[in-house]
N, C-alpha and C. Protein backbone atom coordinates (compact mmCIF):
# COMPACT_ATOMS: atom_id res chain seq x y z
N UNK A 1 0.79 -1.09 -0.06
CA UNK A 1 -0.03 0.04 0.03
C UNK A 1 0.94 1.19 0.05
N UNK A 2 0.57 2.19 -0.87
CA UNK A 2 1.43 3.37 -0.94
C UNK A 2 0.69 4.53 -0.44
N UNK A 3 1.26 5.35 0.35
CA UNK A 3 0.70 6.52 0.96
C UNK A 3 0.62 7.67 -0.27
N UNK A 4 -0.45 8.39 -0.27
CA UNK A 4 -0.50 9.51 -1.37
C UNK A 4 0.38 10.71 -0.96
N UNK A 5 0.74 10.90 0.18
CA UNK A 5 1.58 12.01 0.61
C UNK A 5 3.02 11.57 0.61
N UNK A 6 3.93 12.44 0.03
CA UNK A 6 5.29 12.16 0.28
C UNK A 6 5.84 12.37 1.65
N UNK A 7 6.89 11.70 1.92
CA UNK A 7 7.28 11.56 3.41
C UNK A 7 7.55 12.92 3.97
N UNK A 8 8.26 13.92 3.33
CA UNK A 8 8.41 15.22 3.97
C UNK A 8 7.17 15.94 4.19
N UNK A 9 6.17 15.79 3.38
CA UNK A 9 4.89 16.41 3.68
C UNK A 9 4.22 15.73 4.89
N UNK A 10 4.26 14.57 4.95
CA UNK A 10 3.74 13.83 6.09
C UNK A 10 4.46 14.20 7.42
N UNK A 11 5.65 14.40 7.45
CA UNK A 11 6.39 14.92 8.58
C UNK A 11 6.00 16.28 8.95
N UNK A 12 5.89 17.27 7.98
CA UNK A 12 5.47 18.52 8.24
C UNK A 12 4.04 18.60 8.81
N UNK A 13 3.12 17.77 8.37
CA UNK A 13 1.70 17.75 8.87
C UNK A 13 1.76 17.23 10.33
N UNK A 14 2.44 16.08 10.68
CA UNK A 14 2.60 15.58 11.96
C UNK A 14 3.15 16.75 12.98
N UNK A 15 4.17 17.35 12.43
CA UNK A 15 4.80 18.51 13.31
C UNK A 15 3.75 19.57 13.64
N UNK A 16 3.09 19.99 12.56
CA UNK A 16 2.03 21.06 12.80
C UNK A 16 1.03 20.62 13.73
N UNK A 17 0.57 19.37 13.58
CA UNK A 17 -0.53 18.93 14.62
C UNK A 17 0.15 18.75 16.05
N UNK A 18 1.39 18.41 16.10
CA UNK A 18 1.96 18.38 17.40
C UNK A 18 2.11 19.86 18.06
N UNK A 19 2.41 20.88 17.29
CA UNK A 19 2.38 22.25 17.73
C UNK A 19 1.10 22.71 18.20
N UNK A 20 0.10 22.40 17.35
CA UNK A 20 -1.19 22.85 17.74
C UNK A 20 -1.68 22.22 18.98
N UNK A 21 -1.46 20.88 19.26
CA UNK A 21 -1.62 20.17 20.39
C UNK A 21 -1.03 20.75 21.72
N UNK A 22 0.25 21.00 21.41
CA UNK A 22 0.97 21.55 22.67
C UNK A 22 0.43 23.02 22.99
N UNK A 23 0.11 23.81 22.07
CA UNK A 23 -0.46 25.09 22.22
C UNK A 23 -1.70 24.97 23.09
N UNK A 24 -2.64 24.17 22.63
CA UNK A 24 -3.93 23.93 23.18
C UNK A 24 -3.70 23.45 24.69
N UNK A 25 -2.83 22.45 24.91
CA UNK A 25 -2.60 21.92 26.26
C UNK A 25 -1.97 23.03 27.10
N UNK A 26 -1.17 23.98 26.65
CA UNK A 26 -0.54 24.99 27.48
C UNK A 26 -1.69 25.97 28.05
N UNK A 27 -2.75 26.25 27.07
CA UNK A 27 -3.80 27.13 27.40
C UNK A 27 -4.73 26.41 28.47
N UNK A 28 -4.88 25.24 28.29
CA UNK A 28 -5.75 24.34 29.22
C UNK A 28 -5.08 24.32 30.58
N UNK A 29 -3.79 24.16 30.73
CA UNK A 29 -3.08 24.09 31.88
C UNK A 29 -3.15 25.44 32.69
N UNK A 30 -2.90 26.56 31.86
CA UNK A 30 -3.07 27.85 32.52
C UNK A 30 -4.36 28.08 33.17
N UNK A 31 -5.44 27.73 32.32
CA UNK A 31 -6.77 28.01 32.82
C UNK A 31 -7.14 27.02 34.09
N UNK A 32 -6.63 26.00 34.09
CA UNK A 32 -6.90 25.01 35.19
C UNK A 32 -6.20 25.27 36.44
N UNK A 33 -5.23 26.09 36.46
CA UNK A 33 -4.48 26.53 37.59
C UNK A 33 -5.39 27.31 38.54
N UNK A 34 -5.26 26.98 39.91
CA UNK A 34 -6.16 27.70 40.80
C UNK A 34 -5.55 27.59 42.26
N UNK A 35 -5.57 28.63 42.94
CA UNK A 35 -4.98 28.70 44.25
C UNK A 35 -6.23 29.15 45.24
N UNK A 36 -6.40 28.38 46.26
CA UNK A 36 -7.46 28.47 47.27
C UNK A 36 -6.95 28.62 48.64
N UNK A 37 -7.47 29.48 49.43
CA UNK A 37 -6.93 29.86 50.56
C UNK A 37 -7.94 29.73 51.80
N UNK A 38 -7.70 29.23 52.91
CA UNK A 38 -8.59 29.33 54.08
C UNK A 38 -7.68 29.30 55.31
N UNK A 39 -7.62 30.40 55.90
CA UNK A 39 -6.93 30.60 57.14
C UNK A 39 -5.43 30.19 57.20
N UNK A 40 -4.77 30.53 56.08
CA UNK A 40 -3.31 30.17 55.93
C UNK A 40 -3.10 28.84 55.35
N UNK A 41 -4.03 28.15 55.15
CA UNK A 41 -4.00 26.77 54.33
C UNK A 41 -4.31 26.93 52.93
N UNK A 42 -3.38 26.49 52.09
CA UNK A 42 -3.61 26.51 50.68
C UNK A 42 -3.84 25.28 49.99
N UNK A 43 -4.55 25.32 48.91
CA UNK A 43 -4.72 24.20 47.97
C UNK A 43 -4.33 24.79 46.49
N UNK A 44 -3.39 24.24 45.96
CA UNK A 44 -3.05 24.75 44.57
C UNK A 44 -3.30 23.48 43.62
N UNK A 45 -4.21 23.82 42.69
CA UNK A 45 -4.62 22.83 41.72
C UNK A 45 -3.99 23.09 40.45
N UNK A 46 -3.47 22.09 39.70
CA UNK A 46 -2.80 22.30 38.38
C UNK A 46 -2.91 21.03 37.63
N UNK A 47 -2.62 21.17 36.26
CA UNK A 47 -2.56 19.91 35.45
C UNK A 47 -1.05 19.57 35.03
N UNK A 48 -0.68 18.46 35.56
CA UNK A 48 0.73 18.05 35.24
C UNK A 48 0.52 17.02 34.07
N UNK A 49 1.07 17.28 32.98
CA UNK A 49 0.86 16.56 31.70
C UNK A 49 -0.52 16.39 31.50
N UNK A 50 -1.21 15.26 31.82
CA UNK A 50 -2.68 15.06 31.47
C UNK A 50 -3.47 15.01 32.74
N UNK A 51 -2.93 14.63 33.93
CA UNK A 51 -3.71 14.36 35.09
C UNK A 51 -3.70 15.64 36.00
N UNK A 52 -4.90 15.86 36.70
CA UNK A 52 -4.90 17.01 37.59
C UNK A 52 -4.32 16.63 38.81
N UNK A 53 -3.55 17.68 39.37
CA UNK A 53 -2.71 17.41 40.59
C UNK A 53 -3.13 18.46 41.58
N UNK A 54 -3.06 18.20 42.94
CA UNK A 54 -3.14 19.29 43.91
C UNK A 54 -2.13 19.20 44.95
N UNK A 55 -1.74 20.29 45.34
CA UNK A 55 -0.60 20.52 46.46
C UNK A 55 -1.40 21.18 47.60
N UNK A 56 -1.35 20.55 48.86
CA UNK A 56 -1.80 21.17 49.96
C UNK A 56 -0.69 21.62 50.80
N UNK A 57 -0.65 22.88 51.24
CA UNK A 57 0.46 23.52 52.04
C UNK A 57 -0.12 24.56 52.99
N UNK A 58 0.65 24.86 54.08
CA UNK A 58 0.36 25.81 55.01
C UNK A 58 1.41 26.92 54.65
N UNK A 59 0.83 28.13 55.12
CA UNK A 59 1.85 29.36 54.84
C UNK A 59 3.23 29.19 55.57
N UNK A 60 3.15 28.41 56.74
CA UNK A 60 4.36 28.13 57.49
C UNK A 60 5.28 27.22 56.84
N UNK A 61 4.87 26.39 55.83
CA UNK A 61 5.76 25.48 55.11
C UNK A 61 6.56 26.21 54.03
N UNK A 62 6.27 27.44 53.65
CA UNK A 62 6.94 28.08 52.55
C UNK A 62 8.28 28.55 52.93
N UNK A 63 9.29 28.03 52.25
CA UNK A 63 10.70 28.32 52.60
C UNK A 63 11.13 29.57 51.89
N UNK A 64 10.68 29.82 50.50
CA UNK A 64 11.21 30.96 49.73
C UNK A 64 10.03 31.28 48.78
N UNK A 65 9.91 32.42 48.36
CA UNK A 65 9.11 32.80 47.21
C UNK A 65 9.99 33.97 46.48
N UNK A 66 9.99 33.72 45.16
CA UNK A 66 10.89 34.50 44.25
C UNK A 66 9.89 35.07 43.32
N UNK A 67 10.09 36.33 43.01
CA UNK A 67 9.36 37.05 41.95
C UNK A 67 10.09 36.81 40.75
N UNK A 68 9.47 36.04 39.75
CA UNK A 68 10.08 35.70 38.53
C UNK A 68 9.74 36.60 37.32
N UNK A 69 8.58 37.19 37.30
CA UNK A 69 8.16 38.03 36.26
C UNK A 69 7.16 39.05 36.63
N UNK A 70 7.39 40.43 36.25
CA UNK A 70 6.55 41.35 36.59
C UNK A 70 6.42 42.56 35.46
N UNK A 71 5.23 42.91 35.07
CA UNK A 71 5.01 43.81 34.01
C UNK A 71 3.94 44.78 34.65
N UNK A 72 4.50 46.22 34.70
CA UNK A 72 3.62 47.15 35.26
C UNK A 72 3.28 48.09 34.08
N UNK A 73 1.90 48.38 34.11
CA UNK A 73 1.39 49.18 33.00
C UNK A 73 0.28 50.09 33.62
N UNK A 74 0.47 51.37 33.49
CA UNK A 74 -0.48 52.28 34.07
C UNK A 74 -0.71 52.28 35.55
N UNK A 75 0.44 52.07 36.15
CA UNK A 75 0.40 52.16 37.58
C UNK A 75 -0.15 50.92 38.38
N UNK A 76 -0.49 49.80 37.60
CA UNK A 76 -0.88 48.62 38.15
C UNK A 76 -0.23 47.33 37.46
N UNK A 77 -0.23 46.22 38.00
CA UNK A 77 0.41 45.03 37.50
C UNK A 77 -0.36 44.53 36.28
N UNK A 78 0.18 44.26 35.20
CA UNK A 78 -0.47 43.67 34.10
C UNK A 78 -0.16 42.13 34.26
N UNK A 79 1.03 41.80 34.72
CA UNK A 79 1.49 40.43 34.84
C UNK A 79 2.35 40.34 36.09
N UNK A 80 2.26 39.32 36.94
CA UNK A 80 3.05 39.10 37.93
C UNK A 80 3.16 37.57 38.19
N UNK A 81 4.37 36.97 38.32
CA UNK A 81 4.60 35.56 38.54
C UNK A 81 5.51 35.37 39.72
N UNK A 82 5.12 34.31 40.45
CA UNK A 82 6.18 33.92 41.53
C UNK A 82 6.41 32.48 41.53
N UNK A 83 7.63 32.11 41.85
CA UNK A 83 7.91 30.78 42.05
C UNK A 83 8.01 30.50 43.68
N UNK A 84 7.28 29.46 44.10
CA UNK A 84 7.14 29.20 45.55
C UNK A 84 7.85 27.91 45.73
N UNK A 85 8.73 27.99 46.78
CA UNK A 85 9.55 26.80 47.21
C UNK A 85 9.10 26.40 48.57
N UNK A 86 8.78 25.20 48.78
CA UNK A 86 8.19 24.55 50.06
C UNK A 86 9.32 23.83 50.81
N UNK A 87 9.12 23.67 52.18
CA UNK A 87 10.20 22.98 52.98
C UNK A 87 10.35 21.52 52.51
N UNK A 88 9.34 20.85 52.00
CA UNK A 88 9.48 19.42 51.59
C UNK A 88 9.92 19.23 50.19
N UNK A 89 10.47 20.25 49.56
CA UNK A 89 11.00 20.12 48.25
C UNK A 89 10.16 20.51 47.13
N UNK A 90 8.82 20.58 47.25
CA UNK A 90 8.04 21.03 46.18
C UNK A 90 8.18 22.50 45.76
N UNK A 91 8.25 22.56 44.46
CA UNK A 91 8.24 23.93 43.84
C UNK A 91 7.06 24.08 42.85
N UNK A 92 6.54 25.30 42.93
CA UNK A 92 5.45 25.54 41.84
C UNK A 92 5.38 27.00 41.49
N UNK A 93 4.83 27.35 40.50
CA UNK A 93 4.87 28.71 39.94
C UNK A 93 3.40 29.22 39.96
N UNK A 94 3.11 30.36 40.50
CA UNK A 94 1.93 31.05 40.41
C UNK A 94 1.93 32.09 39.24
N UNK A 95 1.03 31.88 38.36
CA UNK A 95 1.16 32.70 37.12
C UNK A 95 0.14 33.58 36.89
N UNK A 96 -0.91 33.56 37.74
CA UNK A 96 -2.16 34.38 37.57
C UNK A 96 -1.95 35.63 38.51
N UNK A 97 -2.50 36.72 38.27
CA UNK A 97 -2.30 37.94 39.08
C UNK A 97 -3.12 37.83 40.30
N UNK A 98 -4.25 37.24 40.33
CA UNK A 98 -5.21 36.97 41.48
C UNK A 98 -4.49 36.09 42.41
N UNK A 99 -3.94 35.08 41.97
CA UNK A 99 -3.29 34.11 42.79
C UNK A 99 -2.08 34.79 43.51
N UNK A 100 -1.29 35.36 42.78
CA UNK A 100 -0.13 36.09 43.40
C UNK A 100 -0.48 37.11 44.48
N UNK A 101 -1.59 37.91 44.14
CA UNK A 101 -1.86 38.93 45.13
C UNK A 101 -2.59 38.14 46.47
N UNK A 102 -3.28 36.99 46.18
CA UNK A 102 -3.88 36.32 47.29
C UNK A 102 -2.71 35.78 48.14
N UNK A 103 -1.72 35.25 47.51
CA UNK A 103 -0.59 34.68 48.31
C UNK A 103 0.26 35.89 49.07
N UNK A 104 0.44 36.96 48.34
CA UNK A 104 1.02 38.09 49.05
C UNK A 104 0.18 38.65 50.25
N UNK A 105 -1.13 38.67 50.06
CA UNK A 105 -1.86 39.25 51.09
C UNK A 105 -1.83 38.24 52.30
N UNK A 106 -1.97 36.98 52.11
CA UNK A 106 -1.82 36.02 53.22
C UNK A 106 -0.42 36.10 53.87
N UNK A 107 0.55 36.35 53.16
CA UNK A 107 1.91 36.48 53.68
C UNK A 107 1.92 37.73 54.52
N UNK A 108 1.26 38.78 53.95
CA UNK A 108 1.31 40.00 54.83
C UNK A 108 0.56 39.90 56.12
N UNK A 109 -0.51 39.07 56.17
CA UNK A 109 -1.34 38.92 57.20
C UNK A 109 -0.91 38.01 58.32
N UNK A 110 -0.39 36.85 57.73
CA UNK A 110 -0.01 35.73 58.64
C UNK A 110 1.50 35.56 58.94
N UNK A 111 2.21 35.81 57.91
CA UNK A 111 3.76 35.62 58.05
C UNK A 111 4.45 36.81 57.45
N UNK A 112 4.57 37.87 58.29
CA UNK A 112 5.13 39.11 57.99
C UNK A 112 6.53 39.11 57.52
N UNK A 113 7.41 38.15 58.21
CA UNK A 113 8.82 37.97 57.88
C UNK A 113 9.09 37.49 56.48
N UNK A 114 8.25 36.65 55.94
CA UNK A 114 8.31 36.11 54.64
C UNK A 114 8.02 37.23 53.69
N UNK A 115 6.75 38.05 54.04
CA UNK A 115 6.41 39.23 53.19
C UNK A 115 7.51 40.18 52.99
N UNK A 116 8.25 40.55 54.11
CA UNK A 116 9.30 41.51 54.09
C UNK A 116 10.58 40.93 53.24
N UNK A 117 10.63 39.56 53.25
CA UNK A 117 11.80 38.92 52.51
C UNK A 117 11.50 39.09 51.10
N UNK A 118 10.31 38.72 50.67
CA UNK A 118 9.78 38.89 49.33
C UNK A 118 10.03 40.32 48.89
N UNK A 119 9.48 41.26 49.63
CA UNK A 119 9.81 42.68 49.29
C UNK A 119 11.18 43.22 49.01
N UNK A 120 12.03 42.59 49.94
CA UNK A 120 13.49 42.93 49.92
C UNK A 120 14.22 42.36 48.60
N UNK A 121 13.69 41.25 48.22
CA UNK A 121 14.33 40.58 46.98
C UNK A 121 13.90 41.11 45.71
N UNK A 122 12.93 42.09 45.61
CA UNK A 122 12.47 42.67 44.40
C UNK A 122 13.58 43.78 44.04
N UNK A 123 14.06 43.50 42.73
CA UNK A 123 15.20 44.38 42.42
C UNK A 123 14.57 45.67 41.67
N UNK A 124 14.02 46.52 42.48
CA UNK A 124 13.56 47.73 41.96
C UNK A 124 13.44 48.82 43.00
N UNK A 125 13.03 50.03 42.65
CA UNK A 125 12.91 51.10 43.67
C UNK A 125 11.53 51.06 44.39
N UNK A 126 11.39 52.01 45.12
CA UNK A 126 10.33 52.20 46.06
C UNK A 126 8.97 52.19 45.39
N UNK A 127 8.94 52.75 44.04
CA UNK A 127 7.68 52.76 43.38
C UNK A 127 6.98 51.41 43.14
N UNK A 128 7.81 50.33 42.92
CA UNK A 128 7.33 48.92 42.67
C UNK A 128 6.65 48.55 44.05
N UNK A 129 7.22 48.82 45.09
CA UNK A 129 6.81 48.23 46.42
C UNK A 129 5.34 49.04 46.73
N UNK A 130 5.45 50.33 46.49
CA UNK A 130 4.20 51.10 46.73
C UNK A 130 3.03 50.66 45.75
N UNK A 131 3.39 50.23 44.55
CA UNK A 131 2.40 49.72 43.71
C UNK A 131 1.86 48.30 44.31
N UNK A 132 2.79 47.42 44.78
CA UNK A 132 2.40 46.10 45.46
C UNK A 132 1.39 46.49 46.65
N UNK A 133 1.76 47.39 47.42
CA UNK A 133 0.94 47.90 48.56
C UNK A 133 -0.42 48.27 48.17
N UNK A 134 -0.39 49.12 47.13
CA UNK A 134 -1.76 49.68 46.67
C UNK A 134 -2.47 48.44 46.09
N UNK A 135 -1.96 47.55 45.37
CA UNK A 135 -2.75 46.45 44.74
C UNK A 135 -3.32 45.56 45.92
N UNK A 136 -2.52 45.33 46.95
CA UNK A 136 -2.95 44.42 48.05
C UNK A 136 -4.02 45.08 48.84
N UNK A 137 -4.01 46.48 49.04
CA UNK A 137 -5.05 47.15 49.69
C UNK A 137 -6.45 47.09 48.91
N UNK A 138 -6.27 47.14 47.49
CA UNK A 138 -7.51 47.06 46.87
C UNK A 138 -8.02 45.71 46.45
N UNK A 139 -7.15 44.67 46.72
CA UNK A 139 -7.54 43.31 46.45
C UNK A 139 -8.60 42.73 47.39
N UNK A 140 -9.59 42.15 46.71
CA UNK A 140 -10.65 41.47 47.60
C UNK A 140 -10.60 40.00 47.19
N UNK A 141 -10.75 39.23 48.35
CA UNK A 141 -10.58 37.70 48.17
C UNK A 141 -11.86 37.19 47.55
C-alpha cells in the first residue's frame, strides 16, 4: 500500500499537529491552575501532563518565594509571577495575578517576615513596592 503524501509532507503535517496540540494543552493548563486559601492553608490545583494534581500546604511551610516576572502598566500590575519553594522540596509557579496577590496578602497578614523577605528581593525602587501595597489594599478575596 502506498501513501498518497510524500514523506516530507507527512512529517510537516505531523509536526504542525503536534504544535497545535501543545499550544492547546498550554492554554488548558493555564486556565486549570487555581489557588484557594482558608486561614493560611492553601490548595494549589494544576494539570501535570494530562492528570490533575493538587498540592496542600500551609503558609508556614513556605521556605522561599521569588518574583520571576513582573510587568507594570498604568500604575498597576499587568503580569506578575512567583516561584514558590516549600520546605518538603515542592516547587510551583503562580502565574495568575489574582493568585499572586492572594498569596502576598496572606503572607502580609499571617507571616510578615516572609512578606518582608519577598519585598526585599524585588530588584526595583520604592515605586514598585508602593504599587504592590496599593494592589494588596484594593484586592478582595
